[in-house]
Amino acid sequence: MLVHPNFDPVAVQIGPIAIHWYGITYLVAFGLFMWLAHLRLQHEPYRSIQGPGAWSRKDIEDMLFLGVLGVVIGGRLGYCLFYKPEFYLRNPLQILFVWQGGMSFHGGLIGVIASQFWFAHSRHKPFWQLMDLIAPCVPPGLGAGRIGNFINGELWGRPADPNLPWAMVFPQSGSSVPRHPSQIYELLLEGVLLFIVMWLYARKPHKEAQVSAVFLVGYGAARFTAEYFREPDSFLGVLALHMSMGQWLCIPMILGGVLLWVWAETRTTPGSQAPASHGPATR
């Protein structure tokens, strides 16, 4: 039976300035996104688009900046709305106290979609072409975040069989009960497996918006599965049908991805991976 190393969450301390491991994992996530997004520009249809509709390094940088804002604002508001609505309705100023923790992936996803919709509209870029560009670049960043969760010893798993070779005691849980290292499960599912699936699928011929649809279904399924091994939030526990809040939030995500894929497949004038249009029109 393993024991969590109980890492110091501060990676570097320089006088009053503390650099946390979790912050470093965020920087790694942003760096991976930039690198992978530039590789995506060498794929079709982006490589063949010329003229006013062509994609550039500046576009990637601006998309990342807006995406970070979407993650922070959407993630925080989503946590307040989905997980503790009554508390934050009584204490609205607490919404601003992001340093106290409390972020939601699903809220962050909504924030990113909103920020990229604004970017696409302002730059006259096809929205689904944009979303298909960034979708395969996201999983490695999610994996980096799960590494940060593991270092911090947070979001630990449910109790596990002590005979499980990788069962781990998390002292942060306040008990000596062996648990599933659910952060590692999520790293492997959301970060590694989903990235491989997304990157390979994005290179194959497909209709516009279908890469985004695969991401919604893929992440939703990976997260839904991992939640069976992750300890539910103590203030919520399990909800209806013995499912966690994370699982309930994944259901509309999966259904939305399926509907999006079908819609893209049956569009009257579908986009494709071939460079059918090089203009700046939004569609």
Protein backbone atom coordinates (compact mmCIF):
# COMPACT_ATOMS: atom_id res chain seq x y z
CA MET A 1 0.00 0.00 0.00
CA LEU A 2 1.37 3.38 -1.02
CA VAL A 3 1.28 6.66 0.87
CA HIS A 4 1.00 10.00 -0.83
CA PRO A 5 4.35 11.82 -0.52
CA ASN A 6 2.60 14.93 0.80
CA PHE A 7 4.54 17.29 -1.44
CA ASP A 8 5.12 20.88 -0.44
CA PRO A 9 2.65 22.77 -2.69
CA VAL A 10 5.21 25.58 -3.01
CA ALA A 11 7.80 24.74 -5.66
CA VAL A 12 9.98 27.82 -5.20
CA GLN A 13 10.06 30.41 -2.42
CA ILE A 14 11.91 33.68 -3.04
CA GLY A 15 11.35 35.93 -0.06
CA PRO A 16 7.62 36.72 0.10
CA ILE A 17 7.08 35.35 -3.42
CA ALA A 18 5.88 31.75 -3.57
CA ILE A 19 5.58 29.83 -6.82
CA HIS A 20 3.18 26.92 -6.42
CA TRP A 21 3.36 23.65 -8.30
CA TYR A 22 -0.23 24.11 -9.38
CA GLY A 23 0.66 27.41 -11.01
CA ILE A 24 3.54 25.72 -12.81
CA THR A 25 1.20 23.05 -14.18
CA TYR A 26 -1.03 25.82 -15.54
CA LEU A 27 1.97 27.36 -17.30
CA VAL A 28 2.86 23.95 -18.72
CA ALA A 29 -0.73 23.59 -19.94
CA PHE A 30 -0.59 26.95 -21.72
CA GLY A 31 2.77 26.13 -23.27
CA LEU A 32 1.52 22.78 -24.54
CA PHE A 33 -1.53 24.46 -26.03
CA MET A 34 0.62 26.99 -27.91
CA TRP A 35 2.90 24.28 -29.27
CA LEU A 36 0.11 21.94 -30.34
CA ALA A 37 -2.01 24.74 -31.83
CA HIS A 38 0.92 25.77 -34.03
CA LEU A 39 1.24 22.16 -35.17
CA ARG A 40 -2.48 22.17 -35.94
CA LEU A 41 -1.98 25.08 -38.31
CA GLN A 42 0.04 22.68 -40.48
CA HIS A 43 -2.99 20.39 -40.77
CA GLU A 44 -5.91 20.72 -43.13
CA PRO A 45 -7.94 22.80 -43.63
CA TYR A 46 -5.82 25.44 -41.87
CA ARG A 47 -2.68 24.92 -43.96
CA SER A 48 -4.50 25.61 -47.23
CA ILE A 49 -6.42 28.69 -46.14
CA GLN A 50 -4.92 31.81 -47.69
CA GLY A 51 -5.79 35.50 -47.80
CA PRO A 52 -7.90 37.30 -45.17
CA GLY A 53 -9.12 34.04 -43.66
CA ALA A 54 -5.63 32.61 -43.05
CA TRP A 55 -4.69 31.63 -39.50
CA SER A 56 -1.62 33.12 -37.84
CA ARG A 57 0.50 32.88 -34.70
CA LYS A 58 -1.16 36.06 -33.45
CA ASP A 59 -4.55 34.34 -33.69
CA ILE A 60 -3.30 31.48 -31.51
CA GLU A 61 -1.91 33.89 -28.91
CA ASP A 62 -5.16 35.87 -28.76
CA MET A 63 -7.23 32.70 -28.56
CA LEU A 64 -5.12 31.50 -25.64
CA PHE A 65 -5.42 34.81 -23.80
CA LEU A 66 -9.21 34.83 -24.17
CA GLY A 67 -9.37 31.14 -23.33
CA VAL A 68 -7.51 31.73 -20.06
CA LEU A 69 -10.04 34.42 -19.15
CA GLY A 70 -12.85 32.05 -20.04
CA VAL A 71 -11.36 29.28 -17.89
CA VAL A 72 -10.92 31.52 -14.84
CA ILE A 73 -14.23 33.40 -15.04
CA GLY A 74 -16.33 30.50 -16.27
CA GLY A 75 -14.64 28.00 -13.97
CA ARG A 76 -15.27 30.15 -10.91
CA LEU A 77 -18.87 31.06 -11.78
CA GLY A 78 -19.58 27.45 -12.71
CA TYR A 79 -18.32 26.23 -9.34
CA CYS A 80 -20.45 28.79 -7.52
CA LEU A 81 -23.54 27.94 -9.58
CA PHE A 82 -23.21 24.16 -9.84
CA TYR A 83 -21.72 23.25 -6.47
CA LYS A 84 -22.57 25.89 -3.84
CA PRO A 85 -25.33 28.16 -5.21
CA GLU A 86 -27.00 28.80 -1.86
CA PHE A 87 -23.75 29.75 -0.12
CA TYR A 88 -22.70 32.22 -2.83
CA LEU A 89 -26.18 33.71 -3.10
CA ARG A 90 -25.87 34.53 0.62
CA ASN A 91 -22.24 35.65 0.26
CA PRO A 92 -21.86 37.10 -3.26
CA LEU A 93 -18.55 38.82 -2.51
CA GLN A 94 -17.03 35.39 -1.82
CA ILE A 95 -17.30 34.70 -5.54
CA LEU A 96 -14.28 36.98 -6.01
CA PHE A 97 -12.13 35.04 -3.52
CA VAL A 98 -10.66 32.71 -6.13
CA TRP A 99 -7.51 32.18 -4.03
CA GLN A 100 -9.64 30.17 -1.61
CA GLY A 101 -10.16 27.54 -4.29
CA GLY A 102 -13.24 26.33 -6.09
CA MET A 103 -13.20 25.90 -9.88
CA SER A 104 -15.40 23.84 -12.17
CA PHE A 105 -14.20 22.30 -15.43
CA HIS A 106 -17.70 22.40 -16.91
CA GLY A 107 -18.06 26.08 -16.04
CA GLY A 108 -14.62 26.72 -17.50
CA LEU A 109 -15.68 24.95 -20.70
CA ILE A 110 -18.70 27.24 -21.03
CA GLY A 111 -16.43 30.23 -20.44
CA VAL A 112 -13.99 29.07 -23.13
CA ILE A 113 -16.80 28.51 -25.64
CA ALA A 114 -18.14 32.00 -24.95
CA SER A 115 -14.70 33.61 -25.29
CA GLN A 116 -13.94 31.78 -28.54
CA PHE A 117 -17.35 32.67 -29.97
CA TRP A 118 -16.54 36.33 -29.35
CA PHE A 119 -13.10 35.86 -30.94
CA ALA A 120 -14.54 34.15 -34.01
CA HIS A 121 -17.15 36.86 -34.45
CA SER A 122 -14.70 39.75 -33.99
CA ARG A 123 -12.09 38.23 -36.34
CA HIS A 124 -14.57 36.93 -38.90
CA LYS A 125 -13.43 33.34 -38.39
CA PRO A 126 -15.71 30.30 -38.81
CA PHE A 127 -16.60 29.36 -35.24
CA TRP A 128 -16.59 25.57 -35.68
CA GLN A 129 -13.37 25.73 -37.66
CA LEU A 130 -11.84 27.52 -34.68
CA MET A 131 -13.21 25.04 -32.15
CA ASP A 132 -11.97 22.11 -34.24
CA LEU A 133 -8.53 23.71 -34.25
CA ILE A 134 -8.22 23.96 -30.48
CA ALA A 135 -10.11 20.83 -29.34
CA PRO A 136 -7.21 18.36 -29.85
CA CYS A 137 -4.84 20.77 -28.07
CA VAL A 138 -6.79 20.79 -24.80
CA PRO A 139 -6.31 17.28 -23.28
CA PRO A 140 -2.57 17.63 -22.47
CA GLY A 141 -3.37 20.76 -20.49
CA LEU A 142 -6.09 18.90 -18.61
CA GLY A 143 -3.56 16.19 -17.83
CA ALA A 144 -1.12 18.79 -16.51
CA GLY A 145 -3.83 20.08 -14.21
CA ARG A 146 -4.43 16.58 -12.83
CA ILE A 147 -0.72 16.32 -12.02
CA GLY A 148 -1.16 19.52 -10.02
CA ASN A 149 -4.12 17.94 -8.20
CA PHE A 150 -1.98 14.92 -7.31
CA ILE A 151 0.93 17.04 -6.07
CA ASN A 152 -1.47 19.01 -3.88
CA GLY A 153 -3.03 15.78 -2.59
CA GLU A 154 -6.53 17.03 -3.47
CA LEU A 155 -9.50 15.44 -5.22
CA TRP A 156 -8.44 12.06 -3.87
CA GLY A 157 -10.26 8.87 -4.75
CA ARG A 158 -12.82 6.70 -3.07
CA PRO A 159 -11.77 3.91 -0.68
CA ALA A 160 -10.02 1.07 -2.49
CA ASP A 161 -9.23 -2.56 -1.75
CA PRO A 162 -6.01 -2.54 0.34
CA ASN A 163 -4.72 -5.33 -1.90
CA LEU A 164 -4.84 -3.07 -4.95
CA PRO A 165 -1.14 -2.56 -5.77
CA TRP A 166 -1.52 1.18 -6.39
CA ALA A 167 -4.00 1.91 -3.59
CA MET A 168 -2.76 5.01 -1.79
CA VAL A 169 -3.29 6.65 1.57
CA PHE A 170 -3.86 10.39 1.30
CA PRO A 171 -3.04 11.98 4.69
CA GLN A 172 -4.81 15.12 3.46
CA SER A 173 -8.10 13.18 3.66
CA GLY A 174 -7.70 12.96 7.43
CA SER A 175 -7.71 9.16 7.45
CA SER A 176 -5.45 6.19 6.80
CA VAL A 177 -7.94 4.56 4.43
CA PRO A 178 -6.33 3.37 1.19
CA ARG A 179 -7.87 5.11 -1.80
CA HIS A 180 -7.84 5.13 -5.57
CA PRO A 181 -5.37 7.73 -6.91
CA SER A 182 -8.17 9.17 -9.02
CA GLN A 183 -6.04 12.12 -10.14
CA ILE A 184 -3.78 9.65 -11.98
CA TYR A 185 -6.80 7.91 -13.50
CA GLU A 186 -8.02 11.26 -14.81
CA LEU A 187 -4.54 12.12 -16.09
CA LEU A 188 -4.49 8.89 -18.11
CA LEU A 189 -8.09 9.18 -19.35
CA GLU A 190 -8.56 12.92 -19.90
CA GLY A 191 -4.96 13.77 -20.66
CA VAL A 192 -3.30 10.85 -22.43
CA LEU A 193 -6.04 8.67 -23.94
CA LEU A 194 -8.28 11.56 -25.00
CA PHE A 195 -5.33 13.36 -26.59
CA ILE A 196 -4.38 10.31 -28.65
CA VAL A 197 -7.96 9.82 -29.82
CA MET A 198 -8.45 13.52 -30.62
CA TRP A 199 -5.15 13.99 -32.43
CA LEU A 200 -5.62 10.93 -34.62
CA TYR A 201 -9.26 11.71 -35.37
CA ALA A 202 -8.50 15.33 -36.25
CA ARG A 203 -6.04 14.17 -38.93
CA LYS A 204 -8.69 12.11 -40.73
CA PRO A 205 -11.34 13.48 -43.12
CA HIS A 206 -14.32 14.78 -41.18
CA LYS A 207 -17.09 17.34 -41.33
CA GLU A 208 -16.64 20.71 -39.67
CA ALA A 209 -17.63 20.63 -35.96
CA GLN A 210 -17.14 16.87 -35.66
CA VAL A 211 -13.74 17.20 -33.98
CA SER A 212 -15.40 19.39 -31.35
CA ALA A 213 -18.18 16.83 -31.02
CA VAL A 214 -15.68 14.02 -30.40
CA PHE A 215 -14.05 16.11 -27.67
CA LEU A 216 -17.37 16.65 -25.90
CA VAL A 217 -18.23 12.96 -26.01
CA GLY A 218 -14.70 11.81 -25.23
CA TYR A 219 -14.12 14.07 -22.25
CA GLY A 220 -17.62 13.50 -20.95
CA ALA A 221 -17.19 9.71 -21.08
CA ALA A 222 -13.69 9.83 -19.54
CA ARG A 223 -14.76 12.11 -16.70
CA PHE A 224 -17.98 10.15 -16.10
CA THR A 225 -15.94 6.96 -15.73
CA ALA A 226 -13.28 8.53 -13.50
CA GLU A 227 -15.95 9.90 -11.17
CA TYR A 228 -16.75 6.35 -10.05
CA PHE A 229 -13.28 6.29 -8.45
CA ARG A 230 -13.16 9.89 -7.22
CA GLU A 231 -14.45 10.82 -3.78
CA PRO A 232 -17.54 13.05 -4.17
CA ASP A 233 -17.43 16.50 -2.63
CA SER A 234 -18.13 16.15 1.09
CA PHE A 235 -20.72 18.94 1.05
CA LEU A 236 -22.67 17.25 -1.78
CA GLY A 237 -22.03 13.52 -1.62
CA VAL A 238 -23.72 11.48 -4.31
CA LEU A 239 -26.91 12.76 -5.86
CA ALA A 240 -29.82 11.07 -7.65
CA LEU A 241 -29.15 7.62 -9.13
CA HIS A 242 -26.06 7.46 -6.91
CA MET A 243 -24.16 9.73 -9.30
CA SER A 244 -21.88 12.64 -8.41
CA MET A 245 -22.35 16.22 -9.55
CA GLY A 246 -19.46 15.74 -11.99
CA GLN A 247 -21.28 12.81 -13.60
CA TRP A 248 -24.54 14.72 -13.90
CA LEU A 249 -22.72 17.59 -15.57
CA CYS A 250 -21.11 15.16 -18.03
CA ILE A 251 -24.45 13.81 -19.27
CA PRO A 252 -25.53 16.96 -21.17
CA MET A 253 -21.95 17.27 -22.41
CA ILE A 254 -22.05 13.78 -23.94
CA LEU A 255 -25.54 14.25 -25.37
CA GLY A 256 -24.55 17.63 -26.78
CA GLY A 257 -21.51 16.07 -28.45
CA VAL A 258 -23.61 13.33 -30.06
CA LEU A 259 -26.16 15.86 -31.34
CA LEU A 260 -23.39 18.12 -32.63
CA TRP A 261 -21.76 15.24 -34.53
CA VAL A 262 -25.10 14.24 -36.11
CA TRP A 263 -25.89 17.87 -36.97
CA ALA A 264 -22.50 18.28 -38.63
CA GLU A 265 -22.98 15.05 -40.57
CA THR A 266 -26.40 16.07 -41.89
CA ARG A 267 -25.85 19.77 -42.57
CA THR A 268 -27.18 20.97 -45.92
CA THR A 269 -23.83 22.59 -46.69
CA PRO A 270 -21.40 20.87 -44.33
CA GLY A 271 -17.82 21.97 -43.82
CA SER A 272 -15.15 19.37 -44.44
CA GLN A 273 -11.49 18.91 -43.86
CA ALA A 274 -10.84 19.89 -47.45
CA PRO A 275 -10.34 23.65 -47.91
CA ALA A 276 -13.82 24.26 -49.29
CA SER A 277 -13.80 27.93 -48.34
CA HIS A 278 -10.96 30.37 -47.80
CA GLY A 279 -13.08 33.42 -47.09
CA PRO A 280 -13.59 35.16 -43.75
CA ALA A 281 -17.33 34.50 -43.50
CA THR A 282 -18.56 33.14 -40.21
CA ARG A 283 -20.80 30.12 -40.39
